[in-house]
Amino acid sequence: MIKLYPNNRIKTMQYIYLHGFASSPDSFKAKFFAKKMLEHGIELLIPDLNLNDFPNLTISRQILTVKDLIKTNSPVTLFGSSMGAIISLILAEEINNIEKLILLAPAIKISQLWKDSTGEEKLIKWKQDNYVDIFHYGYNKNMHLNYKFYEDLLSHNDSIFNKTIPTLVFHGLHDKVVPVDFAREYAKQKSHIKYYELNDDHSLNNNLDYIWQKILQFIII
């Protein structure tokens, strides 16, 4: 078993976990990785990306929130789950002190996924009504979501990322939320990415111990 003895670089590194859509800092994965990091004396910061206002949520607001957390004089490693992974990739394109990415079931091409899964008729109704009901797993109830979320989503790049920083990607072969094909294509023939396909679904909860061992090796490199 690897034991992490933080060197100066690891001690100064900021580690931030970005949870997925309709999730929260109390998600099973977020708490799992926070506990594992703490066992090695490292804090994993997990902001609440619901921003206390889920009905008016946008990716733009989430991005600004994370930017405010990132210290300008500190190297950063971002963990991103699903939509949190896309936010991580967007931030990494802009912020130079983000040095490593750990992406869990990244929602590559999320705007296309949203359009395909919702359907044209429901999108039109959503725009007319200005809200749609979404089941929020973090709050365990249905909640309204403003149409501005979708409009804002379309304004962000969600498929082409040029930064070549060290990146870990994990994706489940049985993911019914985000097709594994998108992550596979993103990682294809890129030497800075270590890509793992797992016998799992979107949650990746059945493989967290394995994922953690890979993360631990990645952190100490």
C-alpha atoms as a PDB file:
ATOM      1  CA  MET A   1       0.000   0.000   0.000  1.00  0.00           C
ATOM      2  CA  ILE A   2       1.336   3.435  -0.945  1.00  0.00           C
ATOM      3  CA  LYS A   3       1.792   5.840   1.927  1.00  0.00           C
ATOM      4  CA  LEU A   4       1.893   9.491   0.946  1.00  0.00           C
ATOM      5  CA  TYR A   5       4.416  11.615   2.803  1.00  0.00           C
ATOM      6  CA  PRO A   6       3.681  15.103   1.514  1.00  0.00           C
ATOM      7  CA  ASN A   7       6.712  16.875   0.053  1.00  0.00           C
ATOM      8  CA  ASN A   8       6.807  20.641  -0.270  1.00  0.00           C
ATOM      9  CA  ARG A   9       5.114  20.551  -3.685  1.00  0.00           C
ATOM     10  CA  ILE A  10       2.237  18.411  -2.434  1.00  0.00           C
ATOM     11  CA  LYS A  11       1.890  20.555   0.691  1.00  0.00           C
ATOM     12  CA  THR A  12       1.473  23.754  -1.326  1.00  0.00           C
ATOM     13  CA  MET A  13      -0.854  22.189  -3.909  1.00  0.00           C
ATOM     14  CA  GLN A  14      -4.535  23.085  -3.717  1.00  0.00           C
ATOM     15  CA  TYR A  15      -6.834  20.093  -4.193  1.00  0.00           C
ATOM     16  CA  ILE A  16     -10.397  20.943  -5.206  1.00  0.00           C
ATOM     17  CA  TYR A  17     -13.255  18.514  -5.952  1.00  0.00           C
ATOM     18  CA  LEU A  18     -16.060  19.660  -8.251  1.00  0.00           C
ATOM     19  CA  HIS A  19     -19.185  17.537  -7.903  1.00  0.00           C
ATOM     20  CA  GLY A  20     -21.591  16.776 -10.709  1.00  0.00           C
ATOM     21  CA  PHE A  21     -24.916  18.237 -11.774  1.00  0.00           C
ATOM     22  CA  ALA A  22     -27.742  17.878  -9.219  1.00  0.00           C
ATOM     23  CA  SER A  23     -25.253  16.497  -6.732  1.00  0.00           C
ATOM     24  CA  SER A  24     -23.579  18.041  -3.681  1.00  0.00           C
ATOM     25  CA  PRO A  25     -20.470  17.998  -1.468  1.00  0.00           C
ATOM     26  CA  ASP A  26     -22.196  15.198   0.464  1.00  0.00           C
ATOM     27  CA  SER A  27     -22.056  12.801  -2.475  1.00  0.00           C
ATOM     28  CA  PHE A  28     -20.578   9.374  -1.802  1.00  0.00           C
ATOM     29  CA  LYS A  29     -17.596   9.987  -4.114  1.00  0.00           C
ATOM     30  CA  ALA A  30     -16.825  13.426  -2.717  1.00  0.00           C
ATOM     31  CA  LYS A  31     -16.791  12.169   0.860  1.00  0.00           C
ATOM     32  CA  PHE A  32     -14.809   9.065  -0.101  1.00  0.00           C
ATOM     33  CA  PHE A  33     -11.975  11.039  -1.687  1.00  0.00           C
ATOM     34  CA  ALA A  34     -12.002  13.687   1.048  1.00  0.00           C
ATOM     35  CA  LYS A  35     -11.555  10.948   3.655  1.00  0.00           C
ATOM     36  CA  LYS A  36      -8.755   9.269   1.698  1.00  0.00           C
ATOM     37  CA  MET A  37      -6.911  12.554   1.199  1.00  0.00           C
ATOM     38  CA  LEU A  38      -7.281  13.471   4.865  1.00  0.00           C
ATOM     39  CA  GLU A  39      -5.706  10.153   5.853  1.00  0.00           C
ATOM     40  CA  HIS A  40      -2.588  11.480   4.126  1.00  0.00           C
ATOM     41  CA  GLY A  41      -2.803  14.880   5.758  1.00  0.00           C
ATOM     42  CA  ILE A  42      -4.181  16.664   2.708  1.00  0.00           C
ATOM     43  CA  GLU A  43      -7.350  18.745   2.602  1.00  0.00           C
ATOM     44  CA  LEU A  44      -9.694  18.262  -0.342  1.00  0.00           C
ATOM     45  CA  LEU A  45     -11.792  21.392  -0.786  1.00  0.00           C
ATOM     46  CA  ILE A  46     -15.332  20.592  -1.969  1.00  0.00           C
ATOM     47  CA  PRO A  47     -17.353  23.691  -2.834  1.00  0.00           C
ATOM     48  CA  ASP A  48     -21.125  23.470  -3.083  1.00  0.00           C
ATOM     49  CA  LEU A  49     -21.732  24.169  -6.767  1.00  0.00           C
ATOM     50  CA  ASN A  50     -25.466  24.502  -6.191  1.00  0.00           C
ATOM     51  CA  LEU A  51     -24.606  27.979  -4.857  1.00  0.00           C
ATOM     52  CA  ASN A  52     -27.675  27.946  -2.582  1.00  0.00           C
ATOM     53  CA  ASP A  53     -29.790  28.723  -5.644  1.00  0.00           C
ATOM     54  CA  PHE A  54     -30.174  25.611  -7.802  1.00  0.00           C
ATOM     55  CA  PRO A  55     -33.187  26.949  -9.778  1.00  0.00           C
ATOM     56  CA  ASN A  56     -30.983  29.727 -11.198  1.00  0.00           C
ATOM     57  CA  LEU A  57     -27.873  27.617 -11.664  1.00  0.00           C
ATOM     58  CA  THR A  58     -25.536  28.201 -14.609  1.00  0.00           C
ATOM     59  CA  ILE A  59     -22.106  26.822 -15.481  1.00  0.00           C
ATOM     60  CA  SER A  60     -20.851  30.399 -15.745  1.00  0.00           C
ATOM     61  CA  ARG A  61     -21.713  31.066 -12.098  1.00  0.00           C
ATOM     62  CA  GLN A  62     -20.079  27.791 -11.065  1.00  0.00           C
ATOM     63  CA  ILE A  63     -16.902  28.672 -12.965  1.00  0.00           C
ATOM     64  CA  LEU A  64     -16.690  32.088 -11.281  1.00  0.00           C
ATOM     65  CA  THR A  65     -17.197  30.479  -7.873  1.00  0.00           C
ATOM     66  CA  VAL A  66     -14.330  28.045  -8.397  1.00  0.00           C
ATOM     67  CA  LYS A  67     -12.089  30.799  -9.771  1.00  0.00           C
ATOM     68  CA  ASP A  68     -12.568  32.698  -6.520  1.00  0.00           C
ATOM     69  CA  LEU A  69     -11.333  29.660  -4.585  1.00  0.00           C
ATOM     70  CA  ILE A  70      -8.153  29.168  -6.607  1.00  0.00           C
ATOM     71  CA  LYS A  71      -5.093  30.838  -5.135  1.00  0.00           C
ATOM     72  CA  THR A  72      -3.022  32.633  -7.736  1.00  0.00           C
ATOM     73  CA  ASN A  73       0.286  31.672  -6.117  1.00  0.00           C
ATOM     74  CA  SER A  74      -0.447  27.982  -5.606  1.00  0.00           C
ATOM     75  CA  PRO A  75      -0.414  24.958  -7.934  1.00  0.00           C
ATOM     76  CA  VAL A  76      -3.821  23.307  -8.251  1.00  0.00           C
ATOM     77  CA  THR A  77      -5.152  19.809  -8.838  1.00  0.00           C
ATOM     78  CA  LEU A  78      -8.819  19.629  -9.811  1.00  0.00           C
ATOM     79  CA  PHE A  79     -11.003  16.580  -9.293  1.00  0.00           C
ATOM     80  CA  GLY A  80     -14.113  16.768 -11.491  1.00  0.00           C
ATOM     81  CA  SER A  81     -17.105  14.450 -11.564  1.00  0.00           C
ATOM     82  CA  SER A  82     -19.389  14.434 -14.643  1.00  0.00           C
ATOM     83  CA  MET A  83     -20.345  18.094 -15.212  1.00  0.00           C
ATOM     84  CA  GLY A  84     -17.722  19.038 -12.632  1.00  0.00           C
ATOM     85  CA  ALA A  85     -15.167  17.474 -14.980  1.00  0.00           C
ATOM     86  CA  ILE A  86     -16.232  19.780 -17.824  1.00  0.00           C
ATOM     87  CA  ILE A  87     -15.919  22.768 -15.502  1.00  0.00           C
ATOM     88  CA  SER A  88     -12.431  21.514 -14.574  1.00  0.00           C
ATOM     89  CA  LEU A  89     -11.434  21.308 -18.241  1.00  0.00           C
ATOM     90  CA  ILE A  90     -12.793  24.778 -18.979  1.00  0.00           C
ATOM     91  CA  LEU A  91     -10.900  26.241 -16.022  1.00  0.00           C
ATOM     92  CA  ALA A  92      -7.684  24.470 -16.997  1.00  0.00           C
ATOM     93  CA  GLU A  93      -7.791  26.114 -20.414  1.00  0.00           C
ATOM     94  CA  GLU A  94      -7.729  29.534 -18.769  1.00  0.00           C
ATOM     95  CA  ILE A  95      -5.839  29.217 -15.480  1.00  0.00           C
ATOM     96  CA  ASN A  96      -2.158  28.395 -15.815  1.00  0.00           C
ATOM     97  CA  ASN A  97      -1.526  27.208 -12.253  1.00  0.00           C
ATOM     98  CA  ILE A  98      -3.919  24.253 -12.666  1.00  0.00           C
ATOM     99  CA  GLU A  99      -1.294  21.534 -13.020  1.00  0.00           C
ATOM    100  CA  LYS A 100      -3.249  18.260 -12.842  1.00  0.00           C
ATOM    101  CA  LEU A 101      -6.758  17.028 -13.624  1.00  0.00           C
ATOM    102  CA  ILE A 102      -8.625  13.987 -12.304  1.00  0.00           C
ATOM    103  CA  LEU A 103     -11.798  13.445 -14.332  1.00  0.00           C
ATOM    104  CA  LEU A 104     -14.505  10.998 -13.274  1.00  0.00           C
ATOM    105  CA  ALA A 105     -17.066  10.134 -15.968  1.00  0.00           C
ATOM    106  CA  PRO A 106     -16.483  13.487 -17.666  1.00  0.00           C
ATOM    107  CA  ALA A 107     -19.567  14.879 -19.381  1.00  0.00           C
ATOM    108  CA  ILE A 108     -17.801  15.558 -22.682  1.00  0.00           C
ATOM    109  CA  LYS A 109     -20.228  17.175 -25.187  1.00  0.00           C
ATOM    110  CA  ILE A 110     -22.685  17.884 -22.386  1.00  0.00           C
ATOM    111  CA  SER A 111     -24.719  20.303 -24.507  1.00  0.00           C
ATOM    112  CA  GLN A 112     -25.299  17.585 -27.108  1.00  0.00           C
ATOM    113  CA  LEU A 113     -26.123  15.073 -24.392  1.00  0.00           C
ATOM    114  CA  TRP A 114     -28.628  17.464 -22.846  1.00  0.00           C
ATOM    115  CA  LYS A 115     -30.332  18.154 -26.167  1.00  0.00           C
ATOM    116  CA  ASP A 116     -30.476  14.483 -27.152  1.00  0.00           C
ATOM    117  CA  SER A 117     -31.769  13.262 -23.782  1.00  0.00           C
ATOM    118  CA  THR A 118     -34.352  16.051 -23.395  1.00  0.00           C
ATOM    119  CA  GLY A 119     -35.695  16.120 -26.945  1.00  0.00           C
ATOM    120  CA  GLU A 120     -36.759  19.087 -29.066  1.00  0.00           C
ATOM    121  CA  GLU A 121     -40.364  19.245 -27.825  1.00  0.00           C
ATOM    122  CA  LYS A 122     -39.385  19.285 -24.152  1.00  0.00           C
ATOM    123  CA  LEU A 123     -36.728  21.927 -24.824  1.00  0.00           C
ATOM    124  CA  ILE A 124     -39.361  24.149 -26.463  1.00  0.00           C
ATOM    125  CA  LYS A 125     -41.725  23.631 -23.515  1.00  0.00           C
ATOM    126  CA  TRP A 126     -38.884  24.331 -21.075  1.00  0.00           C
ATOM    127  CA  LYS A 127     -38.201  27.633 -22.823  1.00  0.00           C
ATOM    128  CA  GLN A 128     -41.905  28.558 -22.841  1.00  0.00           C
ATOM    129  CA  ASP A 129     -42.408  27.682 -19.170  1.00  0.00           C
ATOM    130  CA  ASN A 130     -38.984  29.075 -18.211  1.00  0.00           C
ATOM    131  CA  TYR A 131     -38.376  26.131 -15.881  1.00  0.00           C
ATOM    132  CA  VAL A 132     -38.306  22.356 -15.806  1.00  0.00           C
ATOM    133  CA  ASP A 133     -38.465  19.912 -12.902  1.00  0.00           C
ATOM    134  CA  ILE A 134     -35.196  18.113 -12.191  1.00  0.00           C
ATOM    135  CA  PHE A 135     -34.614  15.438  -9.578  1.00  0.00           C
ATOM    136  CA  HIS A 136     -31.787  16.666  -7.380  1.00  0.00           C
ATOM    137  CA  TYR A 137     -29.858  13.770  -5.868  1.00  0.00           C
ATOM    138  CA  GLY A 138     -28.144  15.966  -3.293  1.00  0.00           C
ATOM    139  CA  TYR A 139     -31.434  17.310  -1.943  1.00  0.00           C
ATOM    140  CA  ASN A 140     -33.396  14.109  -2.708  1.00  0.00           C
ATOM    141  CA  LYS A 141     -36.322  15.941  -4.261  1.00  0.00           C
ATOM    142  CA  ASN A 142     -37.573  17.510  -7.495  1.00  0.00           C
ATOM    143  CA  MET A 143     -36.540  21.105  -8.050  1.00  0.00           C
ATOM    144  CA  HIS A 144     -37.137  23.769 -10.696  1.00  0.00           C
ATOM    145  CA  LEU A 145     -34.312  24.638 -13.087  1.00  0.00           C
ATOM    146  CA  ASN A 146     -34.450  27.847 -15.121  1.00  0.00           C
ATOM    147  CA  TYR A 147     -34.068  27.694 -18.913  1.00  0.00           C
ATOM    148  CA  LYS A 148     -31.097  30.050 -18.556  1.00  0.00           C
ATOM    149  CA  PHE A 149     -29.109  26.995 -17.478  1.00  0.00           C
ATOM    150  CA  TYR A 150     -29.439  25.475 -20.940  1.00  0.00           C
ATOM    151  CA  GLU A 151     -28.815  28.773 -22.753  1.00  0.00           C
ATOM    152  CA  ASP A 152     -25.666  29.310 -20.722  1.00  0.00           C
ATOM    153  CA  LEU A 153     -24.577  25.718 -21.307  1.00  0.00           C
ATOM    154  CA  LEU A 154     -24.574  26.322 -25.067  1.00  0.00           C
ATOM    155  CA  SER A 155     -22.178  29.257 -24.641  1.00  0.00           C
ATOM    156  CA  HIS A 156     -19.346  27.070 -23.299  1.00  0.00           C
ATOM    157  CA  ASN A 157     -16.874  24.822 -25.077  1.00  0.00           C
ATOM    158  CA  ASP A 158     -17.532  21.246 -23.973  1.00  0.00           C
ATOM    159  CA  SER A 159     -15.553  19.156 -26.446  1.00  0.00           C
ATOM    160  CA  ILE A 160     -12.257  20.738 -27.581  1.00  0.00           C
ATOM    161  CA  PHE A 161      -9.540  21.185 -24.969  1.00  0.00           C
ATOM    162  CA  ASN A 162      -5.987  22.060 -25.900  1.00  0.00           C
ATOM    163  CA  LYS A 163      -4.066  22.151 -22.633  1.00  0.00           C
ATOM    164  CA  THR A 164      -1.649  19.241 -22.283  1.00  0.00           C
ATOM    165  CA  ILE A 165      -1.403  19.012 -18.505  1.00  0.00           C
ATOM    166  CA  PRO A 166      -1.215  15.594 -16.784  1.00  0.00           C
ATOM    167  CA  THR A 167      -4.729  14.155 -16.650  1.00  0.00           C
ATOM    168  CA  LEU A 168      -6.391  11.031 -15.273  1.00  0.00           C
ATOM    169  CA  VAL A 169      -9.702   9.943 -16.797  1.00  0.00           C
ATOM    170  CA  PHE A 170     -11.989   7.206 -15.448  1.00  0.00           C
ATOM    171  CA  HIS A 171     -15.185   6.151 -17.221  1.00  0.00           C
ATOM    172  CA  GLY A 172     -17.662   3.320 -16.755  1.00  0.00           C
ATOM    173  CA  LEU A 173     -18.377   0.975 -19.635  1.00  0.00           C
ATOM    174  CA  HIS A 174     -22.028   0.815 -18.542  1.00  0.00           C
ATOM    175  CA  ASP A 175     -22.520   4.556 -18.122  1.00  0.00           C
ATOM    176  CA  LYS A 176     -26.070   5.371 -19.289  1.00  0.00           C
ATOM    177  CA  VAL A 177     -25.763   9.081 -18.502  1.00  0.00           C
ATOM    178  CA  VAL A 178     -22.592   9.993 -20.419  1.00  0.00           C
ATOM    179  CA  PRO A 179     -21.576   7.578 -23.189  1.00  0.00           C
ATOM    180  CA  VAL A 180     -18.100   6.167 -22.751  1.00  0.00           C
ATOM    181  CA  ASP A 181     -17.434   6.870 -26.448  1.00  0.00           C
ATOM    182  CA  PHE A 182     -17.095  10.599 -25.762  1.00  0.00           C
ATOM    183  CA  ALA A 183     -14.407  10.149 -23.109  1.00  0.00           C
ATOM    184  CA  ARG A 184     -12.679   7.543 -25.230  1.00  0.00           C
ATOM    185  CA  GLU A 185     -12.471   9.955 -28.161  1.00  0.00           C
ATOM    186  CA  TYR A 186     -11.264  12.786 -25.917  1.00  0.00           C
ATOM    187  CA  ALA A 187      -8.443  10.662 -24.490  1.00  0.00           C
ATOM    188  CA  LYS A 188      -7.468   9.029 -27.789  1.00  0.00           C
ATOM    189  CA  GLN A 189      -3.782   9.345 -28.738  1.00  0.00           C
ATOM    190  CA  LYS A 190      -3.035  11.984 -26.103  1.00  0.00           C
ATOM    191  CA  SER A 191       0.173  11.252 -24.215  1.00  0.00           C
ATOM    192  CA  HIS A 192      -0.690  13.555 -21.296  1.00  0.00           C
ATOM    193  CA  ILE A 193      -3.842  11.543 -20.479  1.00  0.00           C
ATOM    194  CA  LYS A 194      -4.011   8.262 -18.588  1.00  0.00           C
ATOM    195  CA  TYR A 195      -7.362   6.747 -19.449  1.00  0.00           C
ATOM    196  CA  TYR A 196      -9.152   3.899 -17.647  1.00  0.00           C
ATOM    197  CA  GLU A 197     -12.385   2.190 -18.667  1.00  0.00           C
ATOM    198  CA  LEU A 198     -14.032   0.363 -15.799  1.00  0.00           C
ATOM    199  CA  ASN A 199     -16.764  -2.238 -15.430  1.00  0.00           C
ATOM    200  CA  ASP A 200     -19.090   0.269 -13.808  1.00  0.00           C
ATOM    201  CA  ASP A 201     -21.908   2.753 -14.338  1.00  0.00           C
ATOM    202  CA  HIS A 202     -21.898   6.570 -14.184  1.00  0.00           C
ATOM    203  CA  SER A 203     -21.338   6.651 -10.436  1.00  0.00           C
ATOM    204  CA  LEU A 204     -18.081   4.614 -10.580  1.00  0.00           C
ATOM    205  CA  ASN A 205     -18.845   3.703  -6.965  1.00  0.00           C
ATOM    206  CA  ASN A 206     -17.920   0.034  -7.464  1.00  0.00           C
ATOM    207  CA  ASN A 207     -14.342   0.929  -8.355  1.00  0.00           C
ATOM    208  CA  LEU A 208     -13.466   3.738  -5.961  1.00  0.00           C
ATOM    209  CA  ASP A 209     -10.700   1.828  -4.180  1.00  0.00           C
ATOM    210  CA  TYR A 210      -9.020   1.070  -7.511  1.00  0.00           C
ATOM    211  CA  ILE A 211      -9.484   4.666  -8.663  1.00  0.00           C
ATOM    212  CA  TRP A 212      -8.007   5.951  -5.419  1.00  0.00           C
ATOM    213  CA  GLN A 213      -4.840   3.879  -5.867  1.00  0.00           C
ATOM    214  CA  LYS A 214      -4.369   5.347  -9.340  1.00  0.00           C
ATOM    215  CA  ILE A 215      -5.002   8.855  -7.997  1.00  0.00           C
ATOM    216  CA  LEU A 216      -2.517   8.337  -5.196  1.00  0.00           C
ATOM    217  CA  GLN A 217       0.199   7.318  -7.668  1.00  0.00           C
ATOM    218  CA  PHE A 218      -0.735  10.316  -9.838  1.00  0.00           C
ATOM    219  CA  ILE A 219      -0.493  12.765  -6.942  1.00  0.00           C
ATOM    220  CA  ILE A 220       3.023  11.743  -5.883  1.00  0.00           C
ATOM    221  CA  ILE A 221       4.552  11.870  -9.383  1.00  0.00           C
END
